Amino acid sequence: MSDLDAPTLGHVDDRAHMADLSPRSLSARTAVAAGRVLLGENSFAQVQAGTVKKGDVLALAQVAGILGAKQTSQLIPLCHDVLLQNVDLDLDLDEERRSVEIRALTKAQGPTGVEMEALTAVSVAALTVYDMCKSIDREIRITDIGLLAKTGGQSGAYRRSN
């Protein structure tokens, strides 16, 4: 790839800086992200039965994910503070994969997208599942965190192809 073909990064040149949002107009923004926590047989059974000693894994991970989305700009250095209007987080058990499937939807009306908030919600929820189950199972894996779709903004709509 030549320099002419290389994508440019708007946040980094010889120093880091936040993107200037002042010329951007407000638009409705949404993002959907997902991820997976792979558990061992024993830890999956305890999450499913609700017998993990630390408490209700799915309920606590859901709350943690919502809180994480709200704190994204405090965690990711160049993220703007976004006034989220909705964070919806679903955690479902997949018996075949022995996994917790996590899906986050974020919404805002503003000059910048909410992809990072959705990804942070999924990541924090997954880390919470890990933390609550680590004493049962050291083989837990967090996988497949990614953006599934987004709407709004200059780049328009996006939907992951696979």
Protein backbone atom coordinates (compact mmCIF):
# COMPACT_ATOMS: atom_id res chain seq x y z
CA MET A 1 0.00 0.00 0.00
CA SER A 2 1.45 3.38 -0.94
CA ASP A 3 1.25 6.50 1.21
CA LEU A 4 -1.52 7.76 -1.10
CA ASP A 5 -3.61 4.65 -0.33
CA ALA A 6 -2.95 4.64 3.41
CA PRO A 7 -5.87 5.76 5.58
CA THR A 8 -5.23 8.77 7.77
CA LEU A 9 -5.90 8.90 11.47
CA GLY A 10 -7.65 12.10 12.48
CA HIS A 11 -6.65 11.82 16.14
CA VAL A 12 -2.89 11.40 15.79
CA ASP A 13 -0.16 13.34 14.02
CA ASP A 14 3.00 14.38 15.83
CA ARG A 15 0.96 14.54 19.04
CA ALA A 16 -2.34 13.14 20.28
CA HIS A 17 -5.42 15.37 20.19
CA MET A 18 -9.18 15.03 20.24
CA ALA A 19 -11.13 15.50 17.03
CA ASP A 20 -12.76 18.94 16.74
CA LEU A 21 -16.50 18.34 16.86
CA SER A 22 -17.50 22.01 16.74
CA PRO A 23 -18.26 22.09 12.97
CA ARG A 24 -20.35 18.90 13.09
CA SER A 25 -24.11 18.95 13.22
CA LEU A 26 -26.11 16.86 15.67
CA SER A 27 -27.59 13.61 14.41
CA ALA A 28 -29.20 10.53 15.87
CA ARG A 29 -26.50 7.93 16.53
CA THR A 30 -26.81 4.25 17.37
CA ALA A 31 -24.33 1.42 17.73
CA VAL A 32 -24.64 -2.29 18.39
CA ALA A 33 -21.69 -4.33 19.67
CA ALA A 34 -21.39 -7.93 20.81
CA GLY A 35 -18.99 -10.27 22.51
CA ARG A 36 -18.75 -13.67 24.12
CA VAL A 37 -17.39 -15.14 27.34
CA LEU A 38 -16.48 -18.83 27.04
CA LEU A 39 -16.84 -20.67 30.35
CA GLY A 40 -15.89 -24.10 31.57
CA GLU A 41 -18.50 -26.73 32.32
CA ASN A 42 -18.58 -26.04 36.09
CA SER A 43 -18.64 -22.25 35.85
CA PHE A 44 -21.32 -22.32 33.14
CA ALA A 45 -23.48 -24.63 35.28
CA GLN A 46 -23.13 -22.30 38.29
CA VAL A 47 -23.96 -19.18 36.25
CA GLN A 48 -26.97 -20.98 34.78
CA ALA A 49 -28.15 -22.17 38.21
CA GLY A 50 -27.49 -18.81 39.85
CA THR A 51 -25.17 -20.35 42.44
CA VAL A 52 -21.98 -18.34 41.87
CA LYS A 53 -20.85 -17.19 45.33
CA LYS A 54 -20.39 -13.55 44.30
CA GLY A 55 -24.04 -13.27 43.22
CA ASP A 56 -26.17 -13.04 40.09
CA VAL A 57 -23.52 -12.93 37.37
CA LEU A 58 -25.77 -11.86 34.51
CA ALA A 59 -27.54 -9.11 36.46
CA LEU A 60 -24.32 -7.65 37.84
CA ALA A 61 -22.56 -7.84 34.46
CA GLN A 62 -25.50 -6.04 32.87
CA VAL A 63 -25.30 -3.18 35.37
CA ALA A 64 -21.50 -3.05 35.04
CA GLY A 65 -21.75 -2.84 31.26
CA ILE A 66 -24.20 0.06 31.45
CA LEU A 67 -21.93 1.86 33.91
CA GLY A 68 -18.94 1.16 31.66
CA ALA A 69 -20.68 2.70 28.65
CA LYS A 70 -21.34 5.84 30.69
CA GLN A 71 -17.63 6.07 31.64
CA THR A 72 -16.13 5.48 28.19
CA SER A 73 -14.56 8.94 27.86
CA GLN A 74 -12.85 8.41 31.23
CA LEU A 75 -11.33 5.11 30.05
CA ILE A 76 -10.38 5.82 26.42
CA PRO A 77 -8.10 8.87 26.26
CA LEU A 78 -9.31 10.54 23.04
CA CYS A 79 -13.03 9.73 23.31
CA HIS A 80 -15.42 12.62 23.69
CA ASP A 81 -17.90 12.68 26.54
CA VAL A 82 -21.20 11.53 25.02
CA LEU A 83 -24.59 12.23 26.53
CA LEU A 84 -26.05 8.75 26.14
CA GLN A 85 -29.80 8.60 25.79
CA ASN A 86 -30.02 4.83 26.03
CA VAL A 87 -27.84 1.83 26.84
CA ASP A 88 -29.52 -1.54 26.45
CA LEU A 89 -27.47 -4.58 27.38
CA ASP A 90 -28.55 -8.19 26.92
CA LEU A 91 -26.69 -11.20 28.32
CA ASP A 92 -27.82 -14.64 27.23
CA LEU A 93 -26.54 -18.12 27.99
CA ASP A 94 -25.61 -20.39 25.09
CA GLU A 95 -25.59 -23.98 26.36
CA GLU A 96 -23.98 -25.41 23.23
CA ARG A 97 -20.97 -23.09 23.44
CA ARG A 98 -21.08 -22.84 27.27
CA SER A 99 -20.90 -19.11 26.85
CA VAL A 100 -22.40 -15.82 27.91
CA GLU A 101 -23.42 -13.92 24.78
CA ILE A 102 -23.36 -10.16 25.32
CA ARG A 103 -25.01 -7.56 23.09
CA ALA A 104 -25.12 -3.80 23.69
CA LEU A 105 -27.12 -1.07 22.00
CA THR A 106 -26.20 2.57 22.60
CA LYS A 107 -28.07 5.68 21.44
CA ALA A 108 -27.39 9.40 21.51
CA GLN A 109 -28.20 12.60 19.65
CA GLY A 110 -24.93 14.38 19.05
CA PRO A 111 -21.91 15.29 16.93
CA THR A 112 -20.01 12.01 17.44
CA GLY A 113 -20.80 8.33 17.33
CA VAL A 114 -21.49 5.90 20.13
CA GLU A 115 -19.52 2.88 18.88
CA MET A 116 -16.93 3.13 21.63
CA GLU A 117 -19.66 3.24 24.27
CA ALA A 118 -21.25 0.06 22.90
CA LEU A 119 -17.88 -1.70 22.72
CA THR A 120 -17.01 -0.56 26.24
CA ALA A 121 -20.36 -1.81 27.57
CA VAL A 122 -19.68 -5.27 26.11
CA SER A 123 -16.07 -5.29 27.34
CA VAL A 124 -16.91 -4.27 30.90
CA ALA A 125 -19.79 -6.75 31.08
CA ALA A 126 -17.47 -9.52 29.83
CA LEU A 127 -14.78 -8.58 32.35
CA THR A 128 -17.40 -8.66 35.11
CA VAL A 129 -18.43 -12.20 34.13
CA TYR A 130 -14.75 -13.15 34.18
CA ASP A 131 -14.20 -11.57 37.60
CA MET A 132 -17.22 -13.25 39.12
CA CYS A 133 -16.29 -16.70 37.76
CA LYS A 134 -12.48 -16.69 37.96
CA SER A 135 -12.39 -18.55 41.28
CA ILE A 136 -14.35 -21.39 39.66
CA ASP A 137 -12.56 -21.53 36.33
CA ARG A 138 -9.18 -20.15 35.18
CA GLU A 139 -9.78 -21.14 31.54
CA ILE A 140 -12.38 -18.43 30.86
CA ARG A 141 -11.90 -16.65 27.53
CA ILE A 142 -13.36 -13.37 26.35
CA THR A 143 -13.78 -13.45 22.56
CA ASP A 144 -15.38 -11.91 19.51
CA ILE A 145 -15.89 -8.38 20.80
CA GLY A 146 -16.78 -6.21 17.86
CA LEU A 147 -19.07 -3.65 16.31
CA LEU A 148 -22.08 -5.19 14.58
CA ALA A 149 -23.80 -2.05 13.29
CA LYS A 150 -23.98 1.72 13.57
CA THR A 151 -26.15 4.52 12.24
CA GLY A 152 -25.77 8.28 11.95
CA GLY A 153 -22.90 10.62 11.34
CA GLN A 154 -20.81 11.56 8.35
CA SER A 155 -19.89 7.99 7.44
CA GLY A 156 -23.52 6.82 7.51
CA ALA A 157 -24.82 3.38 8.35
CA TYR A 158 -22.62 0.33 8.79
CA ARG A 159 -23.52 -3.33 9.25
CA ARG A 160 -20.88 -6.02 9.73
CA SER A 161 -20.95 -8.43 6.81
CA ASN A 162 -20.22 -11.65 8.71
